[in-house]
N, C-alpha and C. Protein backbone atom coordinates (compact mmCIF):
# COMPACT_ATOMS: atom_id res chain seq x y z
N MET A 1 91.83 -20.31 56.17
CA MET A 1 90.39 -20.23 56.23
C MET A 1 89.91 -21.07 57.41
N ARG A 2 89.09 -20.46 58.23
CA ARG A 2 88.55 -21.19 59.38
C ARG A 2 87.39 -22.07 58.94
N ARG A 3 87.14 -23.09 59.73
CA ARG A 3 86.10 -24.05 59.39
C ARG A 3 84.72 -23.40 59.25
N ASN A 4 84.41 -22.41 60.07
CA ASN A 4 83.08 -21.81 60.01
C ASN A 4 82.92 -20.90 58.79
N GLU A 5 83.97 -20.68 58.02
CA GLU A 5 83.87 -19.87 56.81
C GLU A 5 83.65 -20.72 55.56
N VAL A 6 83.70 -22.02 55.70
CA VAL A 6 83.54 -22.91 54.56
C VAL A 6 82.07 -22.92 54.14
N GLN A 7 81.83 -22.73 52.84
CA GLN A 7 80.48 -22.76 52.30
C GLN A 7 80.41 -23.81 51.20
N SER A 8 79.23 -24.36 51.03
CA SER A 8 79.07 -25.34 49.96
C SER A 8 79.05 -24.62 48.61
N ILE A 9 79.38 -25.35 47.58
CA ILE A 9 79.38 -24.78 46.23
C ILE A 9 77.98 -24.30 45.87
N GLY A 10 76.96 -25.05 46.26
CA GLY A 10 75.58 -24.65 45.99
C GLY A 10 75.23 -23.31 46.61
N ASP A 11 75.67 -23.10 47.86
CA ASP A 11 75.40 -21.82 48.53
C ASP A 11 76.12 -20.68 47.84
N VAL A 12 77.36 -20.92 47.43
CA VAL A 12 78.13 -19.88 46.74
C VAL A 12 77.48 -19.54 45.40
N LEU A 13 77.05 -20.55 44.65
CA LEU A 13 76.39 -20.30 43.37
C LEU A 13 75.08 -19.55 43.55
N ARG A 14 74.27 -19.96 44.54
CA ARG A 14 73.01 -19.28 44.81
C ARG A 14 73.24 -17.80 45.13
N LEU A 15 74.22 -17.53 45.97
CA LEU A 15 74.54 -16.15 46.34
C LEU A 15 75.03 -15.36 45.13
N THR A 16 75.86 -15.96 44.32
CA THR A 16 76.37 -15.29 43.12
C THR A 16 75.25 -14.98 42.15
N ILE A 17 74.35 -15.92 41.95
CA ILE A 17 73.21 -15.72 41.05
C ILE A 17 72.34 -14.57 41.55
N GLN A 18 72.10 -14.51 42.84
CA GLN A 18 71.29 -13.42 43.41
C GLN A 18 72.00 -12.09 43.26
N GLU A 19 73.29 -12.05 43.53
CA GLU A 19 74.04 -10.80 43.45
C GLU A 19 74.13 -10.29 42.02
N CYS A 20 74.14 -11.18 41.06
CA CYS A 20 74.24 -10.78 39.64
C CYS A 20 72.86 -10.59 39.01
N ASN A 21 71.81 -10.67 39.79
CA ASN A 21 70.43 -10.51 39.31
C ASN A 21 70.11 -11.47 38.17
N MET A 22 70.53 -12.70 38.30
CA MET A 22 70.29 -13.71 37.28
C MET A 22 69.12 -14.62 37.62
N THR A 23 68.48 -14.41 38.74
CA THR A 23 67.40 -15.29 39.19
C THR A 23 66.25 -15.33 38.19
N ALA A 24 65.83 -14.17 37.69
CA ALA A 24 64.70 -14.12 36.75
C ALA A 24 65.02 -14.88 35.47
N ARG A 25 66.22 -14.73 34.96
CA ARG A 25 66.60 -15.42 33.72
C ARG A 25 66.66 -16.94 33.94
N LEU A 26 67.13 -17.36 35.09
CA LEU A 26 67.15 -18.80 35.39
C LEU A 26 65.74 -19.35 35.52
N ASP A 27 64.83 -18.58 36.11
CA ASP A 27 63.43 -19.00 36.19
C ASP A 27 62.82 -19.14 34.80
N GLU A 28 63.18 -18.22 33.89
CA GLU A 28 62.68 -18.30 32.52
C GLU A 28 63.20 -19.57 31.84
N GLN A 29 64.45 -19.92 32.09
CA GLN A 29 65.01 -21.15 31.51
C GLN A 29 64.31 -22.39 32.08
N LYS A 30 63.96 -22.35 33.34
CA LYS A 30 63.20 -23.46 33.93
C LYS A 30 61.83 -23.58 33.27
N ALA A 31 61.20 -22.43 32.98
CA ALA A 31 59.90 -22.43 32.31
C ALA A 31 60.01 -23.05 30.92
N ILE A 32 61.09 -22.73 30.21
CA ILE A 32 61.31 -23.33 28.89
C ILE A 32 61.42 -24.85 29.01
N GLY A 33 62.10 -25.31 30.04
CA GLY A 33 62.24 -26.74 30.27
C GLY A 33 60.93 -27.43 30.61
N LEU A 34 59.95 -26.68 31.09
CA LEU A 34 58.65 -27.25 31.46
C LEU A 34 57.68 -27.30 30.29
N TRP A 35 57.98 -26.63 29.18
CA TRP A 35 57.06 -26.60 28.03
C TRP A 35 56.68 -28.02 27.59
N LYS A 36 57.67 -28.86 27.34
CA LYS A 36 57.41 -30.22 26.84
C LYS A 36 56.63 -31.06 27.85
N PRO A 37 57.00 -31.09 29.14
CA PRO A 37 56.20 -31.87 30.09
C PRO A 37 54.76 -31.37 30.24
N VAL A 38 54.55 -30.08 30.07
CA VAL A 38 53.20 -29.52 30.24
C VAL A 38 52.31 -29.84 29.04
N VAL A 39 52.81 -29.64 27.81
CA VAL A 39 51.97 -29.85 26.63
C VAL A 39 52.07 -31.26 26.06
N GLY A 40 53.08 -32.00 26.46
CA GLY A 40 53.25 -33.36 25.96
C GLY A 40 54.23 -33.44 24.80
N ASP A 41 54.77 -34.63 24.59
CA ASP A 41 55.78 -34.84 23.56
C ASP A 41 55.27 -34.53 22.15
N HIS A 42 54.07 -35.00 21.84
CA HIS A 42 53.54 -34.84 20.49
C HIS A 42 53.40 -33.36 20.11
N ILE A 43 52.75 -32.59 20.96
CA ILE A 43 52.56 -31.16 20.67
C ILE A 43 53.90 -30.44 20.67
N ALA A 44 54.77 -30.77 21.59
CA ALA A 44 56.08 -30.11 21.65
C ALA A 44 56.87 -30.36 20.36
N ARG A 45 56.73 -31.55 19.77
CA ARG A 45 57.43 -31.85 18.51
C ARG A 45 56.87 -31.03 17.35
N LEU A 46 55.59 -30.68 17.41
CA LEU A 46 54.96 -29.91 16.33
C LEU A 46 55.23 -28.42 16.43
N CYS A 47 55.85 -28.00 17.51
CA CYS A 47 56.13 -26.58 17.75
C CYS A 47 57.63 -26.33 17.69
N GLY A 48 57.98 -25.09 17.39
CA GLY A 48 59.38 -24.71 17.45
C GLY A 48 59.81 -24.58 18.90
N PRO A 49 61.09 -24.45 19.14
CA PRO A 49 61.56 -24.33 20.53
C PRO A 49 61.04 -23.04 21.17
N PRO A 50 60.64 -23.12 22.43
CA PRO A 50 60.14 -21.92 23.11
C PRO A 50 61.27 -20.95 23.44
N ALA A 51 60.88 -19.69 23.52
CA ALA A 51 61.80 -18.65 23.98
C ALA A 51 61.04 -17.81 25.00
N VAL A 52 61.73 -17.31 25.99
CA VAL A 52 61.09 -16.48 27.02
C VAL A 52 61.92 -15.22 27.21
N LYS A 53 61.23 -14.09 27.22
CA LYS A 53 61.88 -12.82 27.50
C LYS A 53 60.91 -11.94 28.26
N LEU A 54 61.35 -11.48 29.40
CA LEU A 54 60.55 -10.59 30.26
C LEU A 54 59.17 -11.18 30.57
N GLY A 55 59.13 -12.48 30.82
CA GLY A 55 57.89 -13.14 31.21
C GLY A 55 56.97 -13.53 30.08
N VAL A 56 57.37 -13.26 28.84
CA VAL A 56 56.55 -13.60 27.68
C VAL A 56 57.18 -14.79 26.96
N MET A 57 56.45 -15.90 26.91
CA MET A 57 56.93 -17.09 26.20
C MET A 57 56.42 -17.02 24.77
N THR A 58 57.31 -17.23 23.82
CA THR A 58 56.96 -17.23 22.40
C THR A 58 57.22 -18.61 21.83
N ILE A 59 56.20 -19.15 21.16
CA ILE A 59 56.27 -20.48 20.58
C ILE A 59 55.93 -20.39 19.10
N SER A 60 56.74 -20.99 18.27
CA SER A 60 56.48 -21.05 16.83
C SER A 60 55.62 -22.27 16.53
N VAL A 61 54.46 -22.03 15.90
CA VAL A 61 53.54 -23.12 15.56
C VAL A 61 53.15 -22.95 14.09
N SER A 62 53.50 -23.92 13.25
CA SER A 62 53.24 -23.78 11.81
C SER A 62 51.82 -24.19 11.43
N SER A 63 51.16 -24.98 12.25
CA SER A 63 49.81 -25.45 11.95
C SER A 63 48.77 -24.48 12.53
N PRO A 64 47.97 -23.83 11.66
CA PRO A 64 46.94 -22.90 12.17
C PRO A 64 45.94 -23.55 13.14
N PRO A 65 45.45 -24.77 12.87
CA PRO A 65 44.52 -25.36 13.85
C PRO A 65 45.17 -25.60 15.22
N LEU A 66 46.42 -26.06 15.22
CA LEU A 66 47.12 -26.27 16.48
C LEU A 66 47.36 -24.94 17.18
N ARG A 67 47.74 -23.92 16.41
CA ARG A 67 47.95 -22.59 16.99
C ARG A 67 46.67 -22.09 17.66
N HIS A 68 45.53 -22.30 16.99
CA HIS A 68 44.25 -21.87 17.56
C HIS A 68 43.95 -22.63 18.86
N GLU A 69 44.16 -23.95 18.83
CA GLU A 69 43.91 -24.77 20.02
C GLU A 69 44.79 -24.35 21.19
N LEU A 70 46.07 -24.11 20.92
CA LEU A 70 46.98 -23.67 21.98
C LEU A 70 46.60 -22.29 22.49
N THR A 71 46.18 -21.41 21.58
CA THR A 71 45.76 -20.07 21.99
C THR A 71 44.55 -20.14 22.92
N MET A 72 43.63 -21.03 22.62
CA MET A 72 42.44 -21.19 23.46
C MET A 72 42.79 -21.74 24.84
N ASN A 73 43.90 -22.45 24.94
CA ASN A 73 44.30 -23.06 26.21
C ASN A 73 45.48 -22.36 26.87
N ARG A 74 45.83 -21.19 26.39
CA ARG A 74 47.04 -20.53 26.90
C ARG A 74 46.96 -20.22 28.39
N THR A 75 45.80 -19.85 28.91
CA THR A 75 45.67 -19.52 30.33
C THR A 75 45.98 -20.74 31.20
N SER A 76 45.45 -21.89 30.81
CA SER A 76 45.71 -23.09 31.61
C SER A 76 47.17 -23.53 31.48
N ILE A 77 47.79 -23.31 30.33
CA ILE A 77 49.21 -23.65 30.15
C ILE A 77 50.06 -22.75 31.05
N ILE A 78 49.74 -21.46 31.08
CA ILE A 78 50.47 -20.52 31.93
C ILE A 78 50.34 -20.92 33.40
N LYS A 79 49.10 -21.23 33.83
CA LYS A 79 48.88 -21.64 35.22
C LYS A 79 49.66 -22.90 35.57
N CYS A 80 49.70 -23.83 34.65
CA CYS A 80 50.40 -25.09 34.90
C CYS A 80 51.91 -24.86 35.02
N ILE A 81 52.48 -24.09 34.11
CA ILE A 81 53.92 -23.81 34.16
C ILE A 81 54.27 -23.06 35.44
N ASN A 82 53.52 -21.99 35.72
CA ASN A 82 53.80 -21.20 36.93
C ASN A 82 53.58 -22.03 38.20
N GLY A 83 52.57 -22.91 38.17
CA GLY A 83 52.32 -23.77 39.33
C GLY A 83 53.49 -24.71 39.59
N LYS A 84 54.05 -25.27 38.53
CA LYS A 84 55.20 -26.16 38.69
C LYS A 84 56.44 -25.40 39.17
N LEU A 85 56.54 -24.13 38.79
CA LEU A 85 57.68 -23.31 39.23
C LEU A 85 57.48 -22.77 40.64
N GLY A 86 56.23 -22.69 41.08
CA GLY A 86 55.95 -22.16 42.41
C GLY A 86 55.95 -20.65 42.48
N LYS A 87 55.97 -20.01 41.32
CA LYS A 87 55.90 -18.54 41.26
C LYS A 87 55.48 -18.12 39.86
N ASN A 88 55.05 -16.88 39.74
CA ASN A 88 54.60 -16.36 38.45
C ASN A 88 55.78 -15.89 37.62
N VAL A 89 56.23 -16.74 36.74
CA VAL A 89 57.35 -16.43 35.85
C VAL A 89 56.82 -16.04 34.47
N ILE A 90 55.82 -16.78 34.00
CA ILE A 90 55.24 -16.54 32.68
C ILE A 90 53.96 -15.73 32.84
N SER A 91 53.91 -14.58 32.18
CA SER A 91 52.72 -13.73 32.25
C SER A 91 51.89 -13.82 30.97
N GLU A 92 52.52 -14.26 29.88
CA GLU A 92 51.84 -14.32 28.59
C GLU A 92 52.53 -15.37 27.72
N ILE A 93 51.74 -15.99 26.84
CA ILE A 93 52.29 -16.89 25.82
C ILE A 93 51.81 -16.39 24.47
N ARG A 94 52.74 -16.26 23.54
CA ARG A 94 52.42 -15.86 22.17
C ARG A 94 52.74 -17.02 21.24
N PHE A 95 51.76 -17.38 20.43
CA PHE A 95 51.95 -18.43 19.43
C PHE A 95 52.06 -17.76 18.07
N VAL A 96 53.19 -17.93 17.43
CA VAL A 96 53.44 -17.27 16.15
C VAL A 96 53.58 -18.33 15.06
N GLY A 97 53.23 -17.93 13.82
CA GLY A 97 53.26 -18.88 12.71
C GLY A 97 54.36 -18.67 11.76
């Protein structure tokens, strides 16, 4: 192998992820990781773990008042998560009981 053919592991992983069309799924996982920093520790503890599929984040919330409050603020939560990601990954949030 010649020296100019050497690639960093990060470059190889990035290329592999792109070739396998895994970029969208990785972005969704990043969005899941942002749920707690965006809503805060207390609210995150009161909710079930988030799940994301095809741009729709689903959150389990057992408290009806909290579910209502989160529903009223869903647009700002989506904007905050997408803003931190630098792209529109989350298109909708569903709060289920």
